[in-house]
Amino acid sequence: MPDTTRLTEILTGLGMLGGEFRDELPARPGELRHVDDDTWASVVAAWDDPALRTLADAAFANGRFFLSASDALRGRRPLRVEWAGPRRAPGDEVAPVDLRIDHVFLVSCKYLSKITVNASPSHLFDRLLTGGHGRRSGGWYAVVAPSEFATLWQTARQWLDDRTLPAELSELTRDQRRALSKQLTARTWPPELAPAYESLCAAVAEESARRWQASIDSAGPGAAEAVLWRLLRVGSAPYYVLGSHGSERPLRLRVASPWDWRRAFQLRRFEVTPLPGGQPMVRWHAVVRDLAHGRDELTVEGHVEIRWSHGRFSGPPEAKVYLDTPFIDVPGYWALA
């Protein structure tokens, strides 16, 4: 887990306990649970880093706001602030919980990130994010665009001019994959490989979108609504999002449960389409009716990037879901009062 993630999550929780810490952090409070000595030491070190001060101040301020907010703690100092830490979410957990307050309040910390889900492509496009996260498989490009993927590898193999590389990409060793990812680190592909990669991007985007739509259609009535909830991380219980977005503005939200969402909104359309670009991408777009205000054309949209997880030809592809609509405009994301 990056030091900035630890810093923002733990300082958000620390802010909920009140107090003012401008020059140095106090001793670790007893109310702050599941933070070991090494983790606390890394937070103290990050707190002293001038480059991280703005981020640290924002996290602490969000915790202080949560302590006083009428929708949250209402000035009641918590007895327990539990940090989830760098764990893999168990089961089919939807809410990305980083902090739990007094066994009741669930808080997600999101600082300068538009990513809502990071899953394997098959988990997203075939299983619609149900049944737990599972493990990433290595063959999505080969499954959805086998011809284009094979052409890219053969073109790359010739361009690299390395006789030790196998004819089949699946036969690469771990060391060879790592070496390849280091050789192909430039932002753009070499001109000799660019056309083959562009063909792969188009084929992967097209087939991923087709499979995603087919999975939604075959799942029956209500599937599109459930998929939208999972993309937005709408869970079985309400929770809170504290963080910052765009120019480090505060992000302080209460996220609806499905019960809340259906009382306030109605899904009219959910669409997925391939998206052209420098990597395989799929756009998702929802039109929602605001039942409280009678507006039919609330929209929420985002995109999915399907890319190698550890560099080109290295780790298995991952599907990163981005929310392109501003958080505060998303149906079911309400400003924390």
Protein backbone atom coordinates (compact mmCIF):
# COMPACT_ATOMS: atom_id res chain seq x y z
CA MET A 1 0.00 0.00 0.00
CA PRO A 2 1.49 3.42 -0.97
CA ASP A 3 2.48 5.73 1.89
CA THR A 4 0.06 8.38 0.62
CA THR A 5 -2.85 5.93 0.92
CA ARG A 6 -1.92 5.04 4.50
CA LEU A 7 -1.44 8.72 5.31
CA THR A 8 -4.81 9.88 4.01
CA GLU A 9 -6.83 7.00 5.45
CA ILE A 10 -5.30 7.08 8.92
CA LEU A 11 -5.25 10.88 9.17
CA THR A 12 -8.91 10.97 8.13
CA GLY A 13 -9.64 8.66 11.05
CA LEU A 14 -7.41 10.66 13.37
CA GLY A 15 -9.28 13.85 12.49
CA MET A 16 -12.51 12.23 13.69
CA LEU A 17 -11.01 12.13 17.19
CA GLY A 18 -10.66 15.91 17.28
CA GLY A 19 -7.69 18.00 18.34
CA GLU A 20 -5.23 20.14 16.41
CA PHE A 21 -1.88 18.81 15.13
CA ARG A 22 0.01 21.36 13.09
CA ASP A 23 3.65 20.69 13.90
CA GLU A 24 3.82 17.04 14.92
CA LEU A 25 1.52 14.11 15.49
CA PRO A 26 0.73 13.01 19.04
CA ALA A 27 1.24 9.50 20.33
CA ARG A 28 -1.03 7.02 18.60
CA PRO A 29 -4.49 7.30 20.23
CA GLY A 30 -5.91 4.18 21.85
CA GLU A 31 -9.17 4.66 19.92
CA LEU A 32 -7.31 4.14 16.63
CA ARG A 33 -7.36 0.37 16.04
CA HIS A 34 -5.47 -2.06 13.77
CA VAL A 35 -2.58 0.35 13.07
CA ASP A 36 0.70 -1.37 13.92
CA ASP A 37 3.96 0.33 14.95
CA ASP A 38 5.55 0.23 11.49
CA THR A 39 2.46 1.67 9.83
CA TRP A 40 2.20 4.45 12.41
CA ALA A 41 5.88 5.27 11.93
CA SER A 42 5.34 5.57 8.17
CA VAL A 43 2.42 7.96 8.77
CA VAL A 44 4.52 10.11 11.11
CA ALA A 45 7.30 10.23 8.50
CA ALA A 46 4.86 11.16 5.74
CA TRP A 47 3.32 13.86 7.97
CA ASP A 48 6.76 15.48 8.19
CA ASP A 49 7.18 15.50 4.39
CA PRO A 50 6.47 19.06 3.11
CA ALA A 51 5.46 17.64 -0.28
CA LEU A 52 2.58 15.77 1.38
CA ARG A 53 1.42 18.48 3.76
CA THR A 54 -1.48 19.67 1.59
CA LEU A 55 -2.79 16.13 1.24
CA ALA A 56 -2.30 15.44 4.95
CA ASP A 57 -4.14 18.62 5.93
CA ALA A 58 -7.03 17.74 3.60
CA ALA A 59 -7.37 14.27 5.13
CA PHE A 60 -7.31 15.59 8.68
CA ALA A 61 -9.83 18.33 7.82
CA ASN A 62 -12.20 15.72 6.35
CA GLY A 63 -12.07 13.76 9.59
CA ARG A 64 -12.82 16.90 11.61
CA PHE A 65 -15.75 17.67 9.31
CA PHE A 66 -17.12 14.14 9.76
CA LEU A 67 -16.92 14.58 13.55
CA SER A 68 -19.12 17.68 13.43
CA ALA A 69 -21.43 16.82 10.47
CA SER A 70 -25.13 16.48 11.26
CA ASP A 71 -25.32 13.50 8.86
CA ALA A 72 -22.47 11.76 10.68
CA LEU A 73 -21.05 11.93 14.23
CA ARG A 74 -22.76 15.22 15.27
CA GLY A 75 -19.90 16.16 17.56
CA ARG A 76 -19.79 12.83 19.40
CA ARG A 77 -16.17 11.72 19.74
CA PRO A 78 -15.95 8.07 18.64
CA LEU A 79 -14.78 5.27 20.92
CA ARG A 80 -13.34 3.18 18.06
CA VAL A 81 -11.84 4.17 14.73
CA GLU A 82 -10.87 0.95 12.94
CA TRP A 83 -8.55 1.05 9.93
CA ALA A 84 -9.20 -1.68 7.35
CA GLY A 85 -5.61 -1.63 6.10
CA PRO A 86 -4.19 -3.27 2.97
CA ARG A 87 -6.60 -6.19 2.87
CA ARG A 88 -8.34 -7.90 -0.01
CA ALA A 89 -12.10 -7.36 0.27
CA PRO A 90 -13.73 -10.59 1.46
CA GLY A 91 -16.64 -12.18 -0.39
CA ASP A 92 -18.84 -9.94 -2.52
CA GLU A 93 -18.17 -6.74 -0.58
CA VAL A 94 -19.32 -3.74 -2.60
CA ALA A 95 -18.56 -0.74 -0.40
CA PRO A 96 -14.82 0.11 -0.51
CA VAL A 97 -14.56 0.55 3.26
CA ASP A 98 -11.30 1.96 4.67
CA LEU A 99 -12.54 3.02 8.13
CA ARG A 100 -15.24 1.77 10.48
CA ILE A 101 -16.37 4.07 13.26
CA ASP A 102 -17.96 2.68 16.45
CA HIS A 103 -18.98 -0.49 14.57
CA VAL A 104 -21.56 1.54 12.61
CA PHE A 105 -20.23 4.28 10.32
CA LEU A 106 -18.47 2.95 7.19
CA VAL A 107 -16.10 5.35 5.43
CA SER A 108 -14.27 5.15 2.12
CA CYS A 109 -11.30 7.47 1.61
CA LYS A 110 -10.82 8.65 -1.99
CA TYR A 111 -8.15 11.23 -2.66
CA LEU A 112 -7.70 12.47 -6.24
CA SER A 113 -8.92 9.26 -7.88
CA LYS A 114 -11.79 8.61 -10.29
CA ILE A 115 -11.34 4.84 -10.22
CA THR A 116 -14.32 3.07 -8.63
CA VAL A 117 -13.50 -0.57 -9.44
CA ASN A 118 -10.35 -2.48 -10.36
CA ALA A 119 -11.23 -6.01 -11.43
CA SER A 120 -10.34 -8.69 -13.92
CA PRO A 121 -12.03 -8.22 -17.31
CA SER A 122 -13.90 -11.50 -16.98
CA HIS A 123 -15.19 -10.48 -13.54
CA LEU A 124 -16.58 -7.26 -15.00
CA PHE A 125 -17.72 -8.19 -18.50
CA ASP A 126 -18.76 -11.84 -18.00
CA ARG A 127 -19.73 -12.04 -14.29
CA LEU A 128 -20.96 -8.45 -13.92
CA LEU A 129 -18.89 -7.97 -10.73
CA THR A 130 -20.78 -10.66 -8.82
CA GLY A 131 -19.40 -13.44 -6.65
CA GLY A 132 -16.33 -11.78 -5.16
CA HIS A 133 -13.29 -10.47 -6.97
CA GLY A 134 -11.48 -13.73 -7.66
CA ARG A 135 -8.05 -13.77 -9.27
CA ARG A 136 -7.01 -12.26 -12.57
CA SER A 137 -6.55 -14.67 -15.44
CA GLY A 138 -3.86 -13.95 -18.00
CA GLY A 139 -5.72 -14.55 -21.23
CA TRP A 140 -8.32 -11.80 -21.84
CA TYR A 141 -6.63 -10.38 -24.96
CA ALA A 142 -6.10 -13.87 -26.31
CA VAL A 143 -9.74 -14.80 -25.61
CA VAL A 144 -11.47 -11.75 -27.11
CA ALA A 145 -9.01 -10.85 -29.90
CA PRO A 146 -6.83 -13.91 -30.56
CA SER A 147 -5.81 -13.01 -34.13
CA GLU A 148 -4.89 -9.39 -33.34
CA PHE A 149 -3.06 -10.43 -30.17
CA ALA A 150 -1.01 -13.04 -32.03
CA THR A 151 -0.16 -10.51 -34.75
CA LEU A 152 1.03 -7.96 -32.20
CA TRP A 153 3.26 -10.50 -30.50
CA GLN A 154 4.82 -11.72 -33.74
CA THR A 155 5.43 -8.14 -34.87
CA ALA A 156 6.97 -7.26 -31.50
CA ARG A 157 9.10 -10.40 -31.54
CA GLN A 158 10.54 -9.47 -34.93
CA TRP A 159 11.12 -5.87 -33.88
CA LEU A 160 12.91 -6.93 -30.68
CA ASP A 161 15.10 -9.32 -32.70
CA ASP A 162 15.67 -11.58 -29.71
CA ARG A 163 16.10 -15.25 -30.65
CA THR A 164 15.43 -16.36 -27.06
CA LEU A 165 11.82 -15.20 -27.20
CA PRO A 166 9.32 -18.03 -27.83
CA ALA A 167 6.95 -18.06 -30.78
CA GLU A 168 3.98 -18.22 -28.44
CA LEU A 169 3.44 -15.44 -25.92
CA SER A 170 2.03 -17.92 -23.40
CA GLU A 171 5.48 -19.57 -23.22
CA LEU A 172 7.25 -16.46 -21.92
CA THR A 173 8.95 -16.90 -18.56
CA ARG A 174 8.36 -14.46 -15.72
CA ASP A 175 11.84 -12.95 -16.19
CA GLN A 176 11.22 -12.49 -19.91
CA ARG A 177 7.92 -10.73 -19.21
CA ARG A 178 9.61 -8.37 -16.79
CA ALA A 179 12.38 -7.63 -19.28
CA LEU A 180 9.85 -6.92 -22.04
CA SER A 181 7.87 -4.50 -19.87
CA LYS A 182 11.10 -2.56 -19.22
CA GLN A 183 11.98 -2.47 -22.93
CA LEU A 184 8.55 -1.09 -23.89
CA THR A 185 8.09 1.63 -21.29
CA ALA A 186 7.70 4.60 -23.65
CA ARG A 187 4.31 6.30 -23.57
CA THR A 188 3.73 5.51 -27.24
CA TRP A 189 4.46 2.27 -29.05
CA PRO A 190 7.36 2.13 -31.55
CA PRO A 191 6.12 3.09 -35.04
CA GLU A 192 6.72 -0.46 -36.27
CA LEU A 193 4.35 -1.88 -33.62
CA ALA A 194 1.73 0.88 -33.46
CA PRO A 195 -0.59 -0.41 -36.25
CA ALA A 196 -0.77 -3.90 -34.73
CA TYR A 197 -1.47 -2.46 -31.29
CA GLU A 198 -4.19 -0.17 -32.65
CA SER A 199 -5.87 -3.17 -34.26
CA LEU A 200 -5.70 -5.04 -30.94
CA CYS A 201 -7.22 -2.08 -29.07
CA ALA A 202 -10.15 -1.84 -31.47
CA ALA A 203 -10.84 -5.59 -31.40
CA VAL A 204 -10.60 -5.87 -27.60
CA ALA A 205 -12.85 -2.85 -27.05
CA GLU A 206 -15.45 -4.11 -29.54
CA GLU A 207 -15.62 -7.66 -28.19
CA SER A 208 -15.47 -6.60 -24.53
CA ALA A 209 -18.43 -4.26 -25.06
CA ARG A 210 -20.34 -6.97 -26.92
CA ARG A 211 -19.74 -9.53 -24.17
CA TRP A 212 -20.66 -7.06 -21.45
CA GLN A 213 -23.96 -6.22 -23.13
CA ALA A 214 -24.69 -9.91 -23.76
CA SER A 215 -24.04 -10.72 -20.09
CA ILE A 216 -26.42 -7.97 -18.98
CA ASP A 217 -29.11 -9.09 -21.43
CA SER A 218 -28.87 -12.74 -20.41
CA ALA A 219 -29.01 -11.90 -16.69
CA GLY A 220 -32.61 -10.74 -17.06
CA PRO A 221 -34.68 -7.81 -15.72
CA GLY A 222 -32.94 -5.61 -13.20
CA ALA A 223 -29.43 -6.64 -14.28
CA ALA A 224 -28.52 -3.25 -15.76
CA GLU A 225 -29.59 -1.47 -12.58
CA ALA A 226 -27.53 -3.86 -10.46
CA VAL A 227 -24.50 -3.35 -12.70
CA LEU A 228 -24.81 0.43 -12.36
CA TRP A 229 -24.97 0.10 -8.58
CA ARG A 230 -21.80 -2.01 -8.58
CA LEU A 231 -19.97 0.46 -10.84
CA LEU A 232 -20.95 3.27 -8.47
CA ARG A 233 -20.15 1.11 -5.42
CA VAL A 234 -23.69 1.35 -4.11
CA GLY A 235 -23.73 -1.28 -1.35
CA SER A 236 -26.27 -2.99 0.85
CA ALA A 237 -25.93 -0.24 3.48
CA PRO A 238 -25.25 3.51 3.22
CA TYR A 239 -21.67 4.63 3.72
CA TYR A 240 -19.58 7.78 3.41
CA VAL A 241 -16.87 8.96 1.03
CA LEU A 242 -14.29 11.42 2.32
CA GLY A 243 -11.48 12.69 0.14
CA SER A 244 -10.63 15.32 -2.44
CA HIS A 245 -11.13 15.72 -6.16
CA GLY A 246 -10.14 18.16 -8.90
CA SER A 247 -7.68 20.78 -7.62
CA GLU A 248 -7.88 19.01 -4.23
CA ARG A 249 -11.39 20.30 -3.40
CA PRO A 250 -12.99 18.47 -0.45
CA LEU A 251 -15.09 15.43 -1.31
CA ARG A 252 -17.63 14.68 1.43
CA LEU A 253 -20.50 12.42 0.40
CA ARG A 254 -23.12 10.03 1.70
CA VAL A 255 -23.66 7.11 -0.68
CA ALA A 256 -27.13 5.60 -1.04
CA SER A 257 -28.09 1.99 -0.43
CA PRO A 258 -30.17 0.28 -3.16
CA TRP A 259 -33.27 0.93 -1.02
CA ASP A 260 -32.45 4.65 -0.87
CA TRP A 261 -31.56 4.74 -4.57
CA ARG A 262 -34.84 3.25 -5.76
CA ARG A 263 -36.85 5.68 -3.64
CA ALA A 264 -35.09 8.61 -5.33
CA PHE A 265 -34.22 7.41 -8.84
CA GLN A 266 -35.29 5.17 -11.70
CA LEU A 267 -32.91 3.79 -14.31
CA ARG A 268 -34.17 4.50 -17.82
CA ARG A 269 -31.25 3.27 -19.96
CA PHE A 270 -27.84 1.70 -19.50
CA GLU A 271 -25.58 1.50 -22.54
CA VAL A 272 -22.08 0.23 -23.24
CA THR A 273 -20.08 1.01 -26.39
CA PRO A 274 -16.47 0.50 -27.51
CA LEU A 275 -14.38 3.63 -27.11
CA PRO A 276 -11.47 4.51 -29.43
CA GLY A 277 -8.22 5.55 -27.85
CA GLY A 278 -4.64 4.66 -27.04
CA GLN A 279 -5.65 1.47 -25.20
CA PRO A 280 -8.68 -0.85 -25.18
CA MET A 281 -11.60 1.04 -23.62
CA VAL A 282 -15.35 0.64 -23.18
CA ARG A 283 -17.69 3.53 -22.41
CA TRP A 284 -20.69 3.10 -20.08
CA HIS A 285 -23.57 5.55 -19.92
CA ALA A 286 -26.76 5.61 -17.83
CA VAL A 287 -29.83 7.81 -18.07
CA VAL A 288 -31.66 8.15 -14.77
CA ARG A 289 -34.97 9.71 -13.79
CA ASP A 290 -34.92 11.86 -10.65
CA LEU A 291 -38.20 10.88 -8.98
CA ALA A 292 -38.03 13.63 -6.39
CA HIS A 293 -37.73 16.42 -8.96
CA GLY A 294 -39.32 14.80 -12.02
CA ARG A 295 -36.26 15.18 -14.22
CA ASP A 296 -35.79 12.46 -16.86
CA GLU A 297 -32.34 13.25 -18.17
CA LEU A 298 -29.90 12.90 -15.31
CA THR A 299 -26.89 11.12 -16.73
CA VAL A 300 -23.95 9.33 -15.21
CA GLU A 301 -21.13 7.94 -17.28
CA GLY A 302 -17.64 6.57 -17.20
CA HIS A 303 -15.29 4.27 -19.03
CA VAL A 304 -13.30 1.09 -18.53
CA GLU A 305 -9.61 0.81 -19.42
CA ILE A 306 -8.41 -2.72 -20.17
CA ARG A 307 -4.65 -2.85 -19.82
CA TRP A 308 -1.75 -4.97 -18.70
CA SER A 309 -1.38 -4.78 -14.95
CA HIS A 310 2.44 -4.72 -14.80
CA GLY A 311 3.59 -3.34 -18.12
CA ARG A 312 3.27 -4.48 -21.72
CA PHE A 313 3.30 -8.26 -22.21
CA SER A 314 3.82 -8.65 -18.46
CA GLY A 315 1.01 -9.01 -15.91
CA PRO A 316 -2.52 -10.14 -16.82
CA PRO A 317 -4.93 -7.48 -18.12
CA GLU A 318 -7.03 -5.61 -15.57
CA ALA A 319 -10.25 -3.65 -16.02
CA LYS A 320 -10.14 -0.23 -14.34
CA VAL A 321 -13.54 1.43 -14.07
CA TYR A 322 -13.45 5.24 -14.14
CA LEU A 323 -16.28 7.57 -13.15
CA ASP A 324 -16.26 10.52 -15.57
CA THR A 325 -19.28 12.32 -14.11
CA PRO A 326 -18.29 14.63 -11.20
CA PHE A 327 -18.93 12.84 -7.91
CA ILE A 328 -21.33 15.48 -6.64
CA ASP A 329 -23.54 15.05 -9.76
CA VAL A 330 -23.90 11.27 -9.48
CA PRO A 331 -27.42 10.02 -8.61
CA GLY A 332 -27.21 8.52 -5.12
CA TYR A 333 -24.13 10.51 -4.06
CA TRP A 334 -25.36 13.20 -1.66
CA ALA A 335 -23.32 16.03 -0.16
CA LEU A 336 -22.63 15.41 3.50
CA ALA A 337 -24.31 18.03 5.72
